[in-house]
Amino acid sequence: MKVAVFSTKPYDEQFLGQANQEAHQHELTFLETRLNETTAALAQGFDAVCVFVNDQVDAPVLEKLAAGGTRVIALRCAGFNNVDLKAAERLGLAVVRVPAYSPYAVAEHTVAMILTLNRQIHRAYHRIREGNFALDGLLGFDLRGRTVGIIGTGRIGVEVARIMRGFGCRVLGYAHKVHKEAEEVGVEYVPLDELFAESDIITLHCPLTPETHHLIDAEAMAKMKDGVMLINTSRGAIVDTGAVIEGLKSGHIGYLGLDVYEEEGDLFFEDLSNLVLQDDVFARLLTFPNVVITGHQAFFTHDALESIAHTTLGNLSEWEETGQCANAVKA
């Protein structure tokens, strides 16, 4: 199958290329550019396109892809909020994804952010390099006995729960569906408002849908404890950034860890170190000492990239051979 791989970085080419040689033999063409209405013409004559989180896969793009002969949209990620599924179905385009690659990668990054913010490791690192060994302003708290609220208890949420239970935390969970494995590791399912009210740390592991868009807004934050720690490694638009900035300014939000940002498309995955940031909201976030931001890095481990590559190409092989795929996404 001829596949145009958009938004390619060196690591994408490395892992997809290796997986293709080992098990699949698709004809891969790697393109650095992102997929959008302008660049969709580059997919002319390709059976499939392989896309990532910030590629634009809306109705106008899908129409151009279908007209050019594309039959499959292969997401090399779990989320599919950037795809117009109804338009894809109307045009007869299959959409396949990687529902689970390494839940451990994202879960471990989540906990790394919790520990960094709590023990002020990001600030201590810079102080020591400047010869400042004072401890003022670096006071943390014991995780043991604290309450962690997990919104979204799929595979990643379960792994976060497992780790935090190891620290001796009480773990509350909220999800549309109760997961038996989550209960087995000690998650107590509660209504969302109760989770907001009782949690010292709240971490997000739910998909971005119309229902979860700005789930964490001013109203939700008003129900949380003063000084709450908020972590988001899922999708940026689940958090209302403007509202969380107000929460940081007032002190109601005591700590903020973001691996995703609702306007990250113009920032993340690129080296902008020689440019002036044009996003004033993002620039404001960078001024807070109690905020840690990483650039959509939580998934980024050798194990996860290997799994993503094999699953992505396996999805294409399965669809090519049978016309169906177990990891297909329907509208």
Protein backbone atom coordinates (compact mmCIF):
# COMPACT_ATOMS: atom_id res chain seq x y z
CA MET A 1 0.00 0.00 0.00
CA LYS A 2 1.29 3.47 -0.89
CA VAL A 3 1.26 5.61 2.25
CA ALA A 4 1.98 9.34 2.62
CA VAL A 5 3.25 9.97 6.16
CA PHE A 6 2.60 13.58 7.18
CA SER A 7 4.19 15.55 10.05
CA THR A 8 7.27 13.36 9.89
CA LYS A 9 10.08 13.83 12.37
CA PRO A 10 13.33 11.83 12.31
CA TYR A 11 12.04 9.47 14.99
CA ASP A 12 8.87 8.75 12.97
CA GLU A 13 10.94 7.76 9.96
CA GLN A 14 13.23 5.65 12.13
CA PHE A 15 10.54 3.63 13.91
CA LEU A 16 8.04 3.37 11.04
CA GLY A 17 10.80 2.46 8.62
CA GLN A 18 12.15 -0.24 10.90
CA ALA A 19 8.69 -1.71 11.59
CA ASN A 20 7.93 -1.68 7.87
CA GLN A 21 11.09 -3.62 7.05
CA GLU A 22 10.45 -6.15 9.79
CA ALA A 23 6.83 -7.01 9.19
CA HIS A 24 4.88 -5.14 6.54
CA GLN A 25 6.44 -3.84 3.30
CA HIS A 26 4.22 -0.86 2.59
CA GLU A 27 5.56 1.88 0.33
CA LEU A 28 6.10 4.77 2.76
CA THR A 29 6.75 8.35 1.66
CA PHE A 30 7.77 10.61 4.53
CA LEU A 31 6.67 14.27 4.41
CA GLU A 32 7.76 16.84 6.98
CA THR A 33 4.78 19.10 6.27
CA ARG A 34 1.54 18.86 8.18
CA LEU A 35 -1.61 17.74 6.46
CA ASN A 36 -4.06 20.55 5.77
CA GLU A 37 -6.24 21.77 2.90
CA THR A 38 -3.22 23.19 1.07
CA THR A 39 -0.92 20.19 1.47
CA ALA A 40 -3.61 17.53 0.83
CA ALA A 41 -2.60 17.60 -2.85
CA LEU A 42 0.68 15.90 -1.84
CA ALA A 43 -1.34 12.75 -1.11
CA GLN A 44 -2.55 12.46 -4.71
CA GLY A 45 -2.27 8.84 -5.78
CA PHE A 46 -1.58 7.46 -2.29
CA ASP A 47 -3.81 4.68 -0.95
CA ALA A 48 -3.46 5.91 2.62
CA VAL A 49 -2.25 8.85 4.65
CA CYS A 50 -0.64 8.51 8.07
CA VAL A 51 -1.27 11.49 10.35
CA PHE A 52 -0.55 12.74 13.86
CA VAL A 53 -2.26 14.89 16.47
CA ASN A 54 -1.89 18.32 14.85
CA ASP A 55 -2.68 17.32 11.28
CA GLN A 56 -5.91 18.81 9.95
CA VAL A 57 -8.31 16.10 8.83
CA ASP A 58 -11.58 18.01 8.44
CA ALA A 59 -14.20 17.68 5.71
CA PRO A 60 -12.45 19.85 3.05
CA VAL A 61 -9.21 17.91 3.52
CA LEU A 62 -10.98 14.56 3.44
CA GLU A 63 -12.78 15.52 0.23
CA LYS A 64 -9.45 16.30 -1.43
CA LEU A 65 -7.93 13.07 -0.16
CA ALA A 66 -10.84 10.98 -1.43
CA ALA A 67 -10.72 12.70 -4.82
CA GLY A 68 -7.02 11.88 -5.03
CA GLY A 69 -7.54 8.17 -4.44
CA THR A 70 -6.91 7.87 -0.72
CA ARG A 71 -8.94 5.17 1.00
CA VAL A 72 -7.55 5.01 4.56
CA ILE A 73 -6.65 7.58 7.22
CA ALA A 74 -4.17 5.99 9.63
CA LEU A 75 -3.72 7.86 12.90
CA ARG A 76 -0.46 7.10 14.69
CA CYS A 77 -2.01 8.18 17.99
CA ALA A 78 -4.97 7.30 20.18
CA GLY A 79 -6.95 10.54 19.89
CA PHE A 80 -9.06 11.29 16.82
CA ASN A 81 -10.59 14.68 17.68
CA ASN A 82 -8.85 16.23 14.63
CA VAL A 83 -10.76 13.97 12.22
CA ASP A 84 -14.26 14.66 10.89
CA LEU A 85 -15.56 11.12 11.26
CA LYS A 86 -18.94 11.84 9.68
CA ALA A 87 -17.29 13.29 6.58
CA ALA A 88 -14.95 10.31 6.39
CA GLU A 89 -17.89 7.90 6.57
CA ARG A 90 -19.76 9.86 3.89
CA LEU A 91 -16.75 9.71 1.60
CA GLY A 92 -16.12 6.02 2.22
CA LEU A 93 -12.78 6.61 3.96
CA ALA A 94 -11.69 4.22 6.69
CA VAL A 95 -10.18 5.78 9.82
CA VAL A 96 -7.90 3.61 11.97
CA ARG A 97 -5.94 4.52 15.09
CA VAL A 98 -3.59 3.25 17.81
CA PRO A 99 -5.92 2.84 20.80
CA ALA A 100 -3.13 1.81 23.18
CA TYR A 101 0.63 1.94 22.69
CA SER A 102 2.34 2.37 26.06
CA PRO A 103 0.05 3.47 28.85
CA TYR A 104 3.12 3.27 31.07
CA ALA A 105 4.87 6.05 29.12
CA VAL A 106 2.08 8.59 29.66
CA ALA A 107 1.38 7.44 33.21
CA GLU A 108 5.03 7.70 34.22
CA HIS A 109 5.33 11.17 32.67
CA THR A 110 2.23 12.22 34.60
CA VAL A 111 3.80 11.12 37.87
CA ALA A 112 7.08 12.80 36.89
CA MET A 113 5.18 16.08 36.56
CA ILE A 114 3.51 15.56 39.94
CA LEU A 115 6.87 14.96 41.62
CA THR A 116 8.55 17.85 39.82
CA LEU A 117 5.87 20.34 40.83
CA ASN A 118 5.57 19.08 44.39
CA ARG A 119 9.30 19.06 45.17
CA GLN A 120 10.08 22.12 42.99
CA ILE A 121 12.72 20.15 41.09
CA HIS A 122 12.54 22.48 38.07
CA ARG A 123 13.33 25.49 40.27
CA ALA A 124 15.96 23.70 42.36
CA TYR A 125 17.82 22.64 39.20
CA HIS A 126 18.23 26.23 38.02
CA ARG A 127 19.08 27.51 41.51
CA ILE A 128 21.92 25.05 41.96
CA ARG A 129 23.40 25.93 38.57
CA GLU A 130 23.46 29.57 39.70
CA GLY A 131 25.12 28.70 43.01
CA ASN A 132 21.98 29.28 45.07
CA PHE A 133 21.60 26.51 47.63
CA ALA A 134 18.84 28.13 49.70
CA LEU A 135 15.75 26.01 50.36
CA ASP A 136 13.27 28.87 50.76
CA GLY A 137 10.41 28.49 48.29
CA LEU A 138 11.11 24.80 47.60
CA LEU A 139 8.85 23.32 50.30
CA GLY A 140 6.91 20.26 49.18
CA PHE A 141 4.53 17.80 50.82
CA ASP A 142 4.39 14.05 51.41
CA LEU A 143 2.34 12.27 48.78
CA ARG A 144 1.42 9.56 51.25
CA GLY A 145 -2.10 10.17 52.54
CA ARG A 146 -3.00 12.69 49.85
CA THR A 147 -6.04 12.23 47.59
CA VAL A 148 -5.52 11.95 43.82
CA GLY A 149 -8.47 12.37 41.48
CA ILE A 150 -8.21 10.67 38.08
CA ILE A 151 -10.64 11.77 35.36
CA GLY A 152 -10.69 9.00 32.78
CA THR A 153 -9.84 5.51 34.02
CA GLY A 154 -8.80 3.73 30.84
CA ARG A 155 -5.42 2.02 30.57
CA ILE A 156 -3.42 5.18 31.25
CA GLY A 157 -5.61 6.23 34.16
CA VAL A 158 -5.31 2.77 35.68
CA GLU A 159 -1.52 2.88 35.48
CA VAL A 160 -1.46 6.33 37.13
CA ALA A 161 -3.71 4.93 39.87
CA ARG A 162 -1.43 1.95 40.36
CA ILE A 163 1.63 4.18 40.78
CA MET A 164 -0.08 6.66 43.09
CA ARG A 165 -1.45 3.87 45.24
CA GLY A 166 2.17 2.77 45.58
CA PHE A 167 2.94 6.17 47.07
CA GLY A 168 0.21 5.56 49.64
CA CYS A 169 -2.37 7.91 48.10
CA ARG A 170 -6.11 7.60 48.19
CA VAL A 171 -7.27 7.51 44.55
CA LEU A 172 -10.66 8.71 43.36
CA GLY A 173 -11.89 8.05 39.82
CA TYR A 174 -14.48 9.47 37.48
CA ALA A 175 -15.42 7.96 34.13
CA HIS A 176 -18.53 7.21 32.11
CA LYS A 177 -17.80 3.51 32.57
CA VAL A 178 -16.54 1.77 35.71
CA HIS A 179 -13.45 -0.30 34.93
CA LYS A 180 -12.97 -3.44 36.97
CA GLU A 181 -9.16 -3.20 36.76
CA ALA A 182 -9.31 0.32 38.20
CA GLU A 183 -11.35 -0.91 41.15
CA GLU A 184 -8.91 -3.79 41.63
CA VAL A 185 -5.98 -1.37 42.06
CA GLY A 186 -7.96 0.65 44.60
CA VAL A 187 -9.76 3.38 42.65
CA GLU A 188 -12.91 4.67 44.38
CA TYR A 189 -15.43 5.87 41.81
CA VAL A 190 -17.22 9.05 42.81
CA PRO A 191 -19.31 11.78 41.12
CA LEU A 192 -17.24 14.45 39.39
CA ASP A 193 -18.12 17.21 41.85
CA GLU A 194 -17.00 15.01 44.74
CA LEU A 195 -13.71 14.30 42.97
CA PHE A 196 -13.18 18.05 42.49
CA ALA A 197 -13.94 18.79 46.13
CA GLU A 198 -11.80 16.08 47.75
CA SER A 199 -8.73 15.80 45.53
CA ASP A 200 -5.36 17.35 46.35
CA ILE A 201 -4.13 16.39 42.88
CA ILE A 202 -6.32 16.08 39.78
CA THR A 203 -4.98 14.43 36.64
CA LEU A 204 -6.78 14.19 33.28
CA HIS A 205 -6.78 11.06 31.13
CA CYS A 206 -9.97 11.36 29.09
CA PRO A 207 -10.39 11.89 25.34
CA LEU A 208 -11.34 15.25 23.87
CA THR A 209 -15.01 15.17 22.88
CA PRO A 210 -17.71 17.85 22.74
CA GLU A 211 -18.63 16.78 26.30
CA THR A 212 -15.08 17.12 27.66
CA HIS A 213 -14.16 20.35 25.84
CA HIS A 214 -13.24 22.83 28.61
CA LEU A 215 -14.32 20.31 31.21
CA ILE A 216 -11.92 22.14 33.52
CA ASP A 217 -13.31 25.68 33.42
CA ALA A 218 -13.87 28.42 36.01
CA GLU A 219 -16.97 26.69 37.37
CA ALA A 220 -15.15 23.37 37.80
CA MET A 221 -12.13 25.01 39.43
CA ALA A 222 -14.35 26.81 41.92
CA LYS A 223 -15.33 23.38 43.28
CA MET A 224 -11.70 22.35 43.86
CA LYS A 225 -9.56 22.74 46.97
CA ASP A 226 -7.44 25.85 47.35
CA GLY A 227 -3.92 25.04 46.19
CA VAL A 228 -4.97 22.02 44.10
CA MET A 229 -2.48 20.49 41.69
CA LEU A 230 -3.81 20.06 38.14
CA ILE A 231 -2.11 17.81 35.56
CA ASN A 232 -3.12 17.41 31.91
CA THR A 233 -1.43 14.84 29.66
CA SER A 234 -4.52 14.08 27.55
CA ARG A 235 -5.69 16.83 25.16
CA GLY A 236 -5.18 20.56 25.60
CA ALA A 237 -8.73 21.77 25.04
CA ILE A 238 -10.03 19.80 28.02
CA VAL A 239 -8.66 22.71 30.07
CA ASP A 240 -9.87 26.29 29.61
CA THR A 241 -6.47 27.97 29.61
CA GLY A 242 -7.79 31.46 30.30
CA ALA A 243 -9.68 30.23 33.34
CA VAL A 244 -6.69 28.30 34.69
CA ILE A 245 -4.50 31.40 34.39
CA GLU A 246 -6.98 33.27 36.56
CA GLY A 247 -6.85 30.36 39.01
CA LEU A 248 -3.06 30.57 39.11
CA LYS A 249 -3.13 34.33 39.66
CA SER A 250 -5.54 34.00 42.59
CA GLY A 251 -3.60 31.11 44.11
CA HIS A 252 -6.59 28.76 43.90
CA ILE A 253 -4.60 26.59 41.49
CA GLY A 254 -1.43 25.84 43.41
CA TYR A 255 0.40 23.80 40.77
CA LEU A 256 -0.14 23.22 37.04
CA GLY A 257 1.49 20.58 34.86
CA LEU A 258 0.71 20.58 31.13
CA ASP A 259 1.99 18.25 28.45
CA VAL A 260 -0.70 19.52 26.08
CA TYR A 261 -2.13 22.94 25.27
CA GLU A 262 -5.29 23.86 23.42
CA GLU A 263 -3.44 26.01 20.87
CA GLU A 264 -0.38 23.77 20.64
CA GLY A 265 -0.65 23.33 16.87
CA ASP A 266 1.44 26.45 16.25
CA LEU A 267 4.04 25.56 18.87
CA PHE A 268 4.68 21.95 19.73
CA PHE A 269 7.03 19.60 17.86
CA GLU A 270 8.97 22.54 16.36
CA ASP A 271 12.17 24.37 17.35
CA LEU A 272 11.09 27.98 17.88
CA SER A 273 14.02 28.94 20.10
CA ASN A 274 15.19 31.70 17.73
CA LEU A 275 11.74 33.24 17.39
CA VAL A 276 9.53 35.46 19.54
CA LEU A 277 6.48 33.54 20.75
CA GLN A 278 3.33 35.07 19.29
CA ASP A 279 0.93 33.25 21.62
CA ASP A 280 0.41 35.68 24.52
CA VAL A 281 -1.62 33.18 26.55
CA PHE A 282 1.12 30.56 26.39
CA ALA A 283 3.73 33.21 27.16
CA ARG A 284 1.73 34.15 30.27
CA LEU A 285 1.77 30.54 31.46
CA LEU A 286 5.55 30.52 31.25
CA THR A 287 5.79 33.35 33.80
CA PHE A 288 4.42 31.28 36.71
CA PRO A 289 6.98 29.52 38.92
CA ASN A 290 4.45 26.82 39.82
CA VAL A 291 3.80 25.76 36.22
CA VAL A 292 5.67 23.00 34.37
CA ILE A 293 5.03 22.56 30.64
CA THR A 294 6.38 19.87 28.33
CA GLY A 295 5.73 19.81 24.59
CA HIS A 296 3.42 16.81 24.10
CA GLN A 297 6.24 14.58 25.29
CA ALA A 298 4.42 12.12 27.55
CA PHE A 299 4.15 9.42 24.87
CA PHE A 300 7.78 9.79 23.82
CA THR A 301 9.58 6.60 24.83
CA HIS A 302 11.36 4.02 22.71
CA ASP A 303 8.81 1.39 23.74
CA ALA A 304 5.84 3.59 22.83
CA LEU A 305 7.21 4.64 19.44
CA GLU A 306 7.96 1.03 18.58
CA SER A 307 4.43 0.01 19.53
CA ILE A 308 2.87 2.93 17.64
CA ALA A 309 4.79 2.05 14.48
CA HIS A 310 3.90 -1.65 14.54
CA THR A 311 0.21 -0.99 15.32
CA THR A 312 -0.12 1.75 12.69
CA LEU A 313 1.36 -0.40 9.93
CA GLY A 314 -0.51 -3.44 11.20
CA ASN A 315 -3.77 -1.50 10.89
CA LEU A 316 -2.95 -0.71 7.26
CA SER A 317 -2.03 -4.33 6.51
CA GLU A 318 -5.22 -5.62 8.12
CA TRP A 319 -7.36 -3.17 6.16
CA GLU A 320 -5.55 -3.97 2.90
CA GLU A 321 -6.04 -7.71 3.37
CA THR A 322 -9.60 -7.78 4.72
CA GLY A 323 -11.20 -4.40 4.09
CA GLN A 324 -11.72 -4.09 7.84
CA CYS A 325 -9.65 -3.22 10.93
CA ALA A 326 -10.20 -3.94 14.60
CA ASN A 327 -8.86 -0.47 15.41
CA ALA A 328 -11.21 1.38 13.08
CA VAL A 329 -12.99 4.48 14.40
CA LYS A 330 -16.65 5.05 13.50
CA ALA A 331 -18.68 8.27 13.58
